[in-house]
C-alpha atoms as a PDB file:
ATOM      1  CA  MET A   1     -21.890  46.881   3.914  1.00  0.00           C
ATOM      2  CA  LYS A   2     -24.292  49.278   5.584  1.00  0.00           C
ATOM      3  CA  ALA A   3     -25.444  52.284   3.532  1.00  0.00           C
ATOM      4  CA  ARG A   4     -24.107  55.609   4.687  1.00  0.00           C
ATOM      5  CA  GLU A   5     -26.585  57.870   6.418  1.00  0.00           C
ATOM      6  CA  ARG A   6     -27.336  61.092   4.572  1.00  0.00           C
ATOM      7  CA  VAL A   7     -27.566  64.393   6.384  1.00  0.00           C
ATOM      8  CA  GLY A   8     -28.521  67.742   4.889  1.00  0.00           C
ATOM      9  CA  VAL A   9     -26.253  70.755   5.196  1.00  0.00           C
ATOM     10  CA  ARG A  10     -28.782  72.669   7.308  1.00  0.00           C
ATOM     11  CA  GLU A  11     -29.290  69.730   9.679  1.00  0.00           C
ATOM     12  CA  LEU A  12     -25.539  69.211   9.943  1.00  0.00           C
ATOM     13  CA  ARG A  13     -24.930  72.878  10.726  1.00  0.00           C
ATOM     14  CA  GLN A  14     -27.656  72.964  13.399  1.00  0.00           C
ATOM     15  CA  ASN A  15     -26.468  69.761  15.119  1.00  0.00           C
ATOM     16  CA  LEU A  16     -22.782  69.682  14.239  1.00  0.00           C
ATOM     17  CA  SER A  17     -21.556  68.451  17.637  1.00  0.00           C
ATOM     18  CA  ILE A  18     -23.962  65.490  17.525  1.00  0.00           C
ATOM     19  CA  TYR A  19     -22.765  64.439  14.073  1.00  0.00           C
ATOM     20  CA  LEU A  20     -19.112  64.973  14.977  1.00  0.00           C
ATOM     21  CA  ASP A  21     -19.585  62.670  17.979  1.00  0.00           C
ATOM     22  CA  ARG A  22     -20.948  60.014  15.623  1.00  0.00           C
ATOM     23  CA  VAL A  23     -17.981  60.446  13.292  1.00  0.00           C
ATOM     24  CA  LYS A  24     -15.610  60.140  16.273  1.00  0.00           C
ATOM     25  CA  ARG A  25     -17.238  56.767  16.990  1.00  0.00           C
ATOM     26  CA  GLY A  26     -16.344  55.654  13.465  1.00  0.00           C
ATOM     27  CA  GLU A  27     -19.438  56.492  11.414  1.00  0.00           C
ATOM     28  CA  THR A  28     -19.232  58.007   7.957  1.00  0.00           C
ATOM     29  CA  LEU A  29     -21.964  60.397   6.790  1.00  0.00           C
ATOM     30  CA  SER A  30     -22.897  61.689   3.346  1.00  0.00           C
ATOM     31  CA  VAL A  31     -23.618  65.424   3.418  1.00  0.00           C
ATOM     32  CA  THR A  32     -26.296  66.499   0.959  1.00  0.00           C
ATOM     33  CA  GLU A  33     -27.404  69.794  -0.514  1.00  0.00           C
ATOM     34  CA  HIS A  34     -30.656  69.790  -2.472  1.00  0.00           C
ATOM     35  CA  ARG A  35     -30.609  65.942  -2.352  1.00  0.00           C
ATOM     36  CA  HIS A  36     -27.173  65.719  -3.994  1.00  0.00           C
ATOM     37  CA  ILE A  37     -24.167  64.430  -2.075  1.00  0.00           C
ATOM     38  CA  VAL A  38     -21.630  67.252  -1.798  1.00  0.00           C
ATOM     39  CA  ALA A  39     -19.288  65.812   0.839  1.00  0.00           C
ATOM     40  CA  VAL A  40     -18.487  62.765   2.895  1.00  0.00           C
ATOM     41  CA  LEU A  41     -17.768  63.269   6.564  1.00  0.00           C
ATOM     42  CA  GLY A  42     -15.821  60.485   8.235  1.00  0.00           C
ATOM     43  CA  PRO A  43     -13.024  59.651  10.638  1.00  0.00           C
ATOM     44  CA  PRO A  44      -9.521  60.523   9.449  1.00  0.00           C
ATOM     45  CA  THR A  45      -7.585  57.818   7.658  1.00  0.00           C
ATOM     46  CA  ARG A  46      -4.397  56.524   9.156  1.00  0.00           C
ATOM     47  CA  LEU A  47      -1.440  58.484   7.824  1.00  0.00           C
ATOM     48  CA  ALA A  48       1.146  56.060   9.200  1.00  0.00           C
ATOM     49  CA  ASP A  49       1.489  54.377   5.801  1.00  0.00           C
ATOM     50  CA  PRO A  50       1.018  56.954   3.031  1.00  0.00           C
ATOM     51  CA  VAL A  51       1.957  54.443   0.306  1.00  0.00           C
ATOM     52  CA  SER A  52      -0.912  52.154   1.317  1.00  0.00           C
ATOM     53  CA  ALA A  53      -3.265  55.140   1.304  1.00  0.00           C
ATOM     54  CA  LEU A  54      -2.191  55.989  -2.267  1.00  0.00           C
ATOM     55  CA  ILE A  55      -2.667  52.374  -3.355  1.00  0.00           C
ATOM     56  CA  ASP A  56      -6.114  52.235  -1.710  1.00  0.00           C
ATOM     57  CA  ALA A  57      -7.082  55.457  -3.510  1.00  0.00           C
ATOM     58  CA  GLY A  58      -5.987  54.002  -6.842  1.00  0.00           C
ATOM     59  CA  LEU A  59      -3.235  56.596  -7.256  1.00  0.00           C
ATOM     60  CA  ALA A  60      -0.365  54.098  -7.046  1.00  0.00           C
ATOM     61  CA  THR A  61       0.214  50.423  -7.704  1.00  0.00           C
ATOM     62  CA  PRO A  62       2.020  48.048  -5.368  1.00  0.00           C
ATOM     63  CA  ALA A  63       5.573  47.060  -6.232  1.00  0.00           C
ATOM     64  CA  ARG A  64       5.927  43.803  -8.138  1.00  0.00           C
ATOM     65  CA  ARG A  65       9.488  43.144  -7.006  1.00  0.00           C
ATOM     66  CA  ARG A  66      11.517  43.699  -3.881  1.00  0.00           C
ATOM     67  CA  PRO A  67      14.371  46.223  -4.152  1.00  0.00           C
ATOM     68  CA  ALA A  68      16.838  43.369  -3.607  1.00  0.00           C
ATOM     69  CA  ASP A  69      15.496  41.682  -6.772  1.00  0.00           C
ATOM     70  CA  LEU A  70      16.203  44.676  -9.004  1.00  0.00           C
ATOM     71  CA  PRO A  71      19.256  44.612 -11.284  1.00  0.00           C
ATOM     72  CA  LYS A  72      22.437  46.218 -10.013  1.00  0.00           C
ATOM     73  CA  PRO A  73      22.920  49.854 -11.078  1.00  0.00           C
ATOM     74  CA  LEU A  74      25.041  50.354 -14.187  1.00  0.00           C
ATOM     75  CA  ARG A  75      28.351  52.126 -13.799  1.00  0.00           C
ATOM     76  CA  ALA A  76      29.472  54.948 -16.051  1.00  0.00           C
ATOM     77  CA  GLY A  77      32.167  53.998 -18.525  1.00  0.00           C
ATOM     78  CA  SER A  78      31.141  50.353 -18.788  1.00  0.00           C
ATOM     79  CA  GLY A  79      32.220  50.345 -22.444  1.00  0.00           C
ATOM     80  CA  ARG A  80      28.722  49.679 -23.747  1.00  0.00           C
ATOM     81  CA  SER A  81      26.640  52.065 -25.816  1.00  0.00           C
ATOM     82  CA  LEU A  82      23.477  53.554 -24.429  1.00  0.00           C
ATOM     83  CA  SER A  83      21.475  51.576 -27.031  1.00  0.00           C
ATOM     84  CA  GLU A  84      22.959  48.317 -25.733  1.00  0.00           C
ATOM     85  CA  ILE A  85      22.156  49.225 -22.160  1.00  0.00           C
ATOM     86  CA  VAL A  86      18.548  50.182 -23.006  1.00  0.00           C
ATOM     87  CA  ARG A  87      18.091  46.975 -25.026  1.00  0.00           C
ATOM     88  CA  GLU A  88      19.401  44.922 -22.116  1.00  0.00           C
ATOM     89  CA  LEU A  89      17.105  46.662 -19.658  1.00  0.00           C
ATOM     90  CA  SER A  90      14.049  46.198 -21.888  1.00  0.00           C
ATOM     91  CA  GLU A  91      14.700  42.447 -22.013  1.00  0.00           C
ATOM     92  CA  ASP A  92      14.638  42.409 -18.216  1.00  0.00           C
ATOM     93  CA  THR A  93      11.081  43.725 -17.909  1.00  0.00           C
ATOM     94  CA  VAL A  94       8.182  41.560 -16.866  1.00  0.00           C
END
C-alpha cells in the first residue's frame, strides 16, 4: 500500500482546488500542522451500505446467523416461568 502524501495546512489552504482535484481522483492526503497529522482528506465513503461501513470501522460485528435461523419468538402466556425461558435461551447461544 502506498504511503499517504502529507500536506501542511498552509499549503493546503493556498492550493485547495489543486488538492481537492486530487482527492476527487481518489487520492487520500494527510493534513499536518507543525508536523503532526491533524486530519485526513479523502474521497467520501459509499453510504449505500451503512452496516458495512460500521463493520469496517470496527463499530459493529457481522451477524453470525441469518434471521431465518433464529428461534421463533416466544408468546406471552406460554405457561413457563421467566427463569425457564431465560435458561432455555442461554442454552441456545453459540
